[in-house]
């Protein structure tokens, strides 16, 4: 299996776990903003891969449908393009840059993991232990990529 495809499938699973948690626990505005930031970044990067340079940060809805839509855009890109293509893009401030699709995908996966860790740390600091364990090792056990001996 393509490593980046698996990474995006893991990312979807982890985001779904956190979205369920945020809904179930009626999360505060700060937690929702962090999660919104994860999705906004994913949407902005995939739009850049399609030649669209957002001048404002996208605001995807915090819904399961939105998670699936963004993830499908990434999987379609992985399946349909040479992931080593170099994509020119502009940052929100207009500065031009370029990056390969593969590095964009890796960035999106790492960025999501980083900020889900933020959410976990913030909740734990508030004394709230009601959050999902979205470590990739947990996902590996769920999908058959690991087993206890």
C-alpha atoms as a PDB file:
ATOM      1  CA  UNK A   1       0.000   0.000   0.000  1.00  0.00           C
ATOM      2  CA  UNK A   2       1.177   3.496  -0.760  1.00  0.00           C
ATOM      3  CA  UNK A   3       2.647   4.988   2.416  1.00  0.00           C
ATOM      4  CA  UNK A   4       1.080   8.417   1.839  1.00  0.00           C
ATOM      5  CA  UNK A   5      -2.341   6.904   1.069  1.00  0.00           C
ATOM      6  CA  UNK A   6      -2.180   4.953   4.325  1.00  0.00           C
ATOM      7  CA  UNK A   7      -1.171   8.144   6.099  1.00  0.00           C
ATOM      8  CA  UNK A   8      -4.207   9.978   4.768  1.00  0.00           C
ATOM      9  CA  UNK A   9      -6.479   7.070   5.723  1.00  0.00           C
ATOM     10  CA  UNK A  10      -5.026   7.196   9.238  1.00  0.00           C
ATOM     11  CA  UNK A  11      -5.520  10.973   9.299  1.00  0.00           C
ATOM     12  CA  UNK A  12      -9.201  10.574   8.392  1.00  0.00           C
ATOM     13  CA  UNK A  13      -9.695   7.978  11.127  1.00  0.00           C
ATOM     14  CA  UNK A  14      -7.962  10.181  13.723  1.00  0.00           C
ATOM     15  CA  UNK A  15      -9.987  13.239  12.683  1.00  0.00           C
ATOM     16  CA  UNK A  16     -13.205  11.225  12.892  1.00  0.00           C
ATOM     17  CA  UNK A  17     -12.317  10.144  16.434  1.00  0.00           C
ATOM     18  CA  UNK A  18     -11.694  13.736  17.479  1.00  0.00           C
ATOM     19  CA  UNK A  19     -14.796  15.101  15.761  1.00  0.00           C
ATOM     20  CA  UNK A  20     -16.915  12.541  17.622  1.00  0.00           C
ATOM     21  CA  UNK A  21     -15.223  13.555  20.874  1.00  0.00           C
ATOM     22  CA  UNK A  22     -15.770  17.258  20.254  1.00  0.00           C
ATOM     23  CA  UNK A  23     -19.457  16.650  19.501  1.00  0.00           C
ATOM     24  CA  UNK A  24     -20.000  14.227  22.411  1.00  0.00           C
ATOM     25  CA  UNK A  25     -18.333  16.485  24.966  1.00  0.00           C
ATOM     26  CA  UNK A  26     -19.791  19.752  23.660  1.00  0.00           C
ATOM     27  CA  UNK A  27     -16.246  21.064  23.273  1.00  0.00           C
ATOM     28  CA  UNK A  28     -15.322  24.625  24.060  1.00  0.00           C
ATOM     29  CA  UNK A  29     -14.610  27.211  21.377  1.00  0.00           C
ATOM     30  CA  UNK A  30     -10.834  26.903  21.738  1.00  0.00           C
ATOM     31  CA  UNK A  31     -10.889  23.155  21.068  1.00  0.00           C
ATOM     32  CA  UNK A  32     -13.178  23.634  18.067  1.00  0.00           C
ATOM     33  CA  UNK A  33     -10.863  26.330  16.678  1.00  0.00           C
ATOM     34  CA  UNK A  34      -7.854  24.024  16.840  1.00  0.00           C
ATOM     35  CA  UNK A  35      -9.769  21.288  15.051  1.00  0.00           C
ATOM     36  CA  UNK A  36     -11.055  23.810  12.507  1.00  0.00           C
ATOM     37  CA  UNK A  37      -7.437  24.824  11.891  1.00  0.00           C
ATOM     38  CA  UNK A  38      -6.522  21.211  11.036  1.00  0.00           C
ATOM     39  CA  UNK A  39      -9.292  20.989   8.439  1.00  0.00           C
ATOM     40  CA  UNK A  40      -8.671  24.472   7.067  1.00  0.00           C
ATOM     41  CA  UNK A  41      -5.032  23.642   6.460  1.00  0.00           C
ATOM     42  CA  UNK A  42      -5.887  20.360   4.765  1.00  0.00           C
ATOM     43  CA  UNK A  43      -8.339  22.111   2.463  1.00  0.00           C
ATOM     44  CA  UNK A  44      -5.936  24.946   1.626  1.00  0.00           C
ATOM     45  CA  UNK A  45      -3.109  22.563   0.732  1.00  0.00           C
ATOM     46  CA  UNK A  46      -5.251  20.334  -1.470  1.00  0.00           C
ATOM     47  CA  UNK A  47      -6.657  23.386  -3.270  1.00  0.00           C
ATOM     48  CA  UNK A  48      -3.096  24.503  -3.966  1.00  0.00           C
ATOM     49  CA  UNK A  49      -2.418  21.118  -5.566  1.00  0.00           C
ATOM     50  CA  UNK A  50      -5.296  21.902  -7.939  1.00  0.00           C
ATOM     51  CA  UNK A  51      -3.870  25.311  -8.853  1.00  0.00           C
ATOM     52  CA  UNK A  52      -6.160  27.286  -6.563  1.00  0.00           C
ATOM     53  CA  UNK A  53      -4.375  29.617  -4.148  1.00  0.00           C
ATOM     54  CA  UNK A  54      -6.769  30.654  -1.391  1.00  0.00           C
ATOM     55  CA  UNK A  55      -6.259  34.234  -0.281  1.00  0.00           C
ATOM     56  CA  UNK A  56      -8.174  33.546   2.928  1.00  0.00           C
ATOM     57  CA  UNK A  57      -8.112  30.528   5.200  1.00  0.00           C
ATOM     58  CA  UNK A  58     -10.873  28.085   4.181  1.00  0.00           C
ATOM     59  CA  UNK A  59     -13.518  27.399   6.811  1.00  0.00           C
ATOM     60  CA  UNK A  60     -14.743  23.817   6.302  1.00  0.00           C
ATOM     61  CA  UNK A  61     -17.688  22.785   8.429  1.00  0.00           C
ATOM     62  CA  UNK A  62     -16.948  20.549  11.395  1.00  0.00           C
ATOM     63  CA  UNK A  63     -18.963  17.629  10.033  1.00  0.00           C
ATOM     64  CA  UNK A  64     -18.275  14.043   9.045  1.00  0.00           C
ATOM     65  CA  UNK A  65     -19.211  14.959   5.473  1.00  0.00           C
ATOM     66  CA  UNK A  66     -16.561  17.665   5.408  1.00  0.00           C
ATOM     67  CA  UNK A  67     -13.916  15.254   6.729  1.00  0.00           C
ATOM     68  CA  UNK A  68     -14.810  12.737   4.032  1.00  0.00           C
ATOM     69  CA  UNK A  69     -14.855  15.353   1.271  1.00  0.00           C
ATOM     70  CA  UNK A  70     -11.422  16.733   2.121  1.00  0.00           C
ATOM     71  CA  UNK A  71      -9.929  13.269   2.560  1.00  0.00           C
ATOM     72  CA  UNK A  72     -11.368  12.107  -0.775  1.00  0.00           C
ATOM     73  CA  UNK A  73      -9.738  15.073  -2.482  1.00  0.00           C
ATOM     74  CA  UNK A  74      -6.377  13.945  -1.083  1.00  0.00           C
ATOM     75  CA  UNK A  75      -6.858  10.271  -1.974  1.00  0.00           C
ATOM     76  CA  UNK A  76      -7.954  11.191  -5.505  1.00  0.00           C
ATOM     77  CA  UNK A  77      -4.830  13.321  -5.822  1.00  0.00           C
ATOM     78  CA  UNK A  78      -2.608  10.463  -4.634  1.00  0.00           C
ATOM     79  CA  UNK A  79      -4.259   8.064  -7.069  1.00  0.00           C
ATOM     80  CA  UNK A  80      -4.402  10.434 -10.020  1.00  0.00           C
ATOM     81  CA  UNK A  81      -1.186  12.449 -10.025  1.00  0.00           C
ATOM     82  CA  UNK A  82       2.530  11.955  -9.875  1.00  0.00           C
ATOM     83  CA  UNK A  83       3.125  12.790  -6.223  1.00  0.00           C
ATOM     84  CA  UNK A  84       6.587  14.070  -7.069  1.00  0.00           C
ATOM     85  CA  UNK A  85       5.103  16.841  -9.238  1.00  0.00           C
ATOM     86  CA  UNK A  86       6.246  20.242  -8.035  1.00  0.00           C
ATOM     87  CA  UNK A  87       3.349  22.541  -7.234  1.00  0.00           C
ATOM     88  CA  UNK A  88       3.839  26.298  -7.355  1.00  0.00           C
ATOM     89  CA  UNK A  89       1.655  28.101  -4.847  1.00  0.00           C
ATOM     90  CA  UNK A  90       1.277  31.352  -2.989  1.00  0.00           C
ATOM     91  CA  UNK A  91       1.098  31.723   0.743  1.00  0.00           C
ATOM     92  CA  UNK A  92      -1.724  33.779   2.224  1.00  0.00           C
ATOM     93  CA  UNK A  93       0.573  36.811   2.250  1.00  0.00           C
ATOM     94  CA  UNK A  94       1.204  36.385  -1.507  1.00  0.00           C
ATOM     95  CA  UNK A  95       4.760  35.035  -1.233  1.00  0.00           C
ATOM     96  CA  UNK A  96       5.434  32.474  -3.974  1.00  0.00           C
ATOM     97  CA  UNK A  97       6.691  28.996  -3.085  1.00  0.00           C
ATOM     98  CA  UNK A  98       6.753  25.535  -4.540  1.00  0.00           C
ATOM     99  CA  UNK A  99       6.716  22.052  -3.063  1.00  0.00           C
ATOM    100  CA  UNK A 100       6.206  18.496  -4.266  1.00  0.00           C
ATOM    101  CA  UNK A 101       2.806  16.929  -3.704  1.00  0.00           C
ATOM    102  CA  UNK A 102       4.450  14.209  -1.600  1.00  0.00           C
ATOM    103  CA  UNK A 103       5.860  16.768   0.842  1.00  0.00           C
ATOM    104  CA  UNK A 104       2.506  18.565   0.956  1.00  0.00           C
ATOM    105  CA  UNK A 105       0.794  15.299   1.879  1.00  0.00           C
ATOM    106  CA  UNK A 106       3.384  14.512   4.530  1.00  0.00           C
ATOM    107  CA  UNK A 107       3.005  18.026   5.926  1.00  0.00           C
ATOM    108  CA  UNK A 108      -0.784  17.675   6.123  1.00  0.00           C
ATOM    109  CA  UNK A 109      -0.511  14.339   7.957  1.00  0.00           C
ATOM    110  CA  UNK A 110       2.117  15.642  10.403  1.00  0.00           C
ATOM    111  CA  UNK A 111       0.252  18.911  10.923  1.00  0.00           C
ATOM    112  CA  UNK A 112      -2.930  17.066  11.886  1.00  0.00           C
ATOM    113  CA  UNK A 113      -1.063  14.804  14.301  1.00  0.00           C
ATOM    114  CA  UNK A 114       0.671  17.805  15.862  1.00  0.00           C
ATOM    115  CA  UNK A 115      -2.560  19.694  16.515  1.00  0.00           C
ATOM    116  CA  UNK A 116      -4.500  16.649  17.703  1.00  0.00           C
ATOM    117  CA  UNK A 117      -1.675  16.377  20.240  1.00  0.00           C
ATOM    118  CA  UNK A 118      -2.373  20.004  21.169  1.00  0.00           C
ATOM    119  CA  UNK A 119      -6.010  19.105  21.786  1.00  0.00           C
ATOM    120  CA  UNK A 120      -5.042  16.145  23.954  1.00  0.00           C
ATOM    121  CA  UNK A 121      -2.601  18.228  26.001  1.00  0.00           C
ATOM    122  CA  UNK A 122      -5.053  21.077  26.511  1.00  0.00           C
ATOM    123  CA  UNK A 123      -7.827  18.752  27.603  1.00  0.00           C
ATOM    124  CA  UNK A 124      -5.533  16.878  29.979  1.00  0.00           C
ATOM    125  CA  UNK A 125      -4.264  20.186  31.442  1.00  0.00           C
ATOM    126  CA  UNK A 126      -7.882  21.107  32.202  1.00  0.00           C
ATOM    127  CA  UNK A 127      -8.332  17.789  34.020  1.00  0.00           C
ATOM    128  CA  UNK A 128     -10.451  16.382  31.186  1.00  0.00           C
ATOM    129  CA  UNK A 129      -9.464  12.810  30.331  1.00  0.00           C
ATOM    130  CA  UNK A 130     -12.329  12.310  27.864  1.00  0.00           C
ATOM    131  CA  UNK A 131     -10.477  12.254  24.549  1.00  0.00           C
ATOM    132  CA  UNK A 132      -9.580   9.598  21.990  1.00  0.00           C
ATOM    133  CA  UNK A 133      -6.240   7.846  21.661  1.00  0.00           C
ATOM    134  CA  UNK A 134      -5.398   8.521  18.033  1.00  0.00           C
ATOM    135  CA  UNK A 135      -1.808   7.342  18.012  1.00  0.00           C
ATOM    136  CA  UNK A 136      -0.927   5.619  14.742  1.00  0.00           C
ATOM    137  CA  UNK A 137      -0.066   2.449  16.698  1.00  0.00           C
ATOM    138  CA  UNK A 138      -3.716   2.233  17.817  1.00  0.00           C
ATOM    139  CA  UNK A 139      -4.782   2.608  14.188  1.00  0.00           C
ATOM    140  CA  UNK A 140      -2.295  -0.102  13.135  1.00  0.00           C
ATOM    141  CA  UNK A 141      -3.967  -2.590  15.499  1.00  0.00           C
ATOM    142  CA  UNK A 142      -7.393  -1.648  14.151  1.00  0.00           C
ATOM    143  CA  UNK A 143      -6.475  -2.173  10.497  1.00  0.00           C
ATOM    144  CA  UNK A 144      -4.348  -5.274  10.949  1.00  0.00           C
ATOM    145  CA  UNK A 145      -0.942  -3.658  10.667  1.00  0.00           C
ATOM    146  CA  UNK A 146       0.039  -4.760  14.162  1.00  0.00           C
ATOM    147  CA  UNK A 147      -0.788  -7.567  16.556  1.00  0.00           C
ATOM    148  CA  UNK A 148      -0.050  -8.484  20.146  1.00  0.00           C
ATOM    149  CA  UNK A 149       2.125 -11.554  20.588  1.00  0.00           C
END
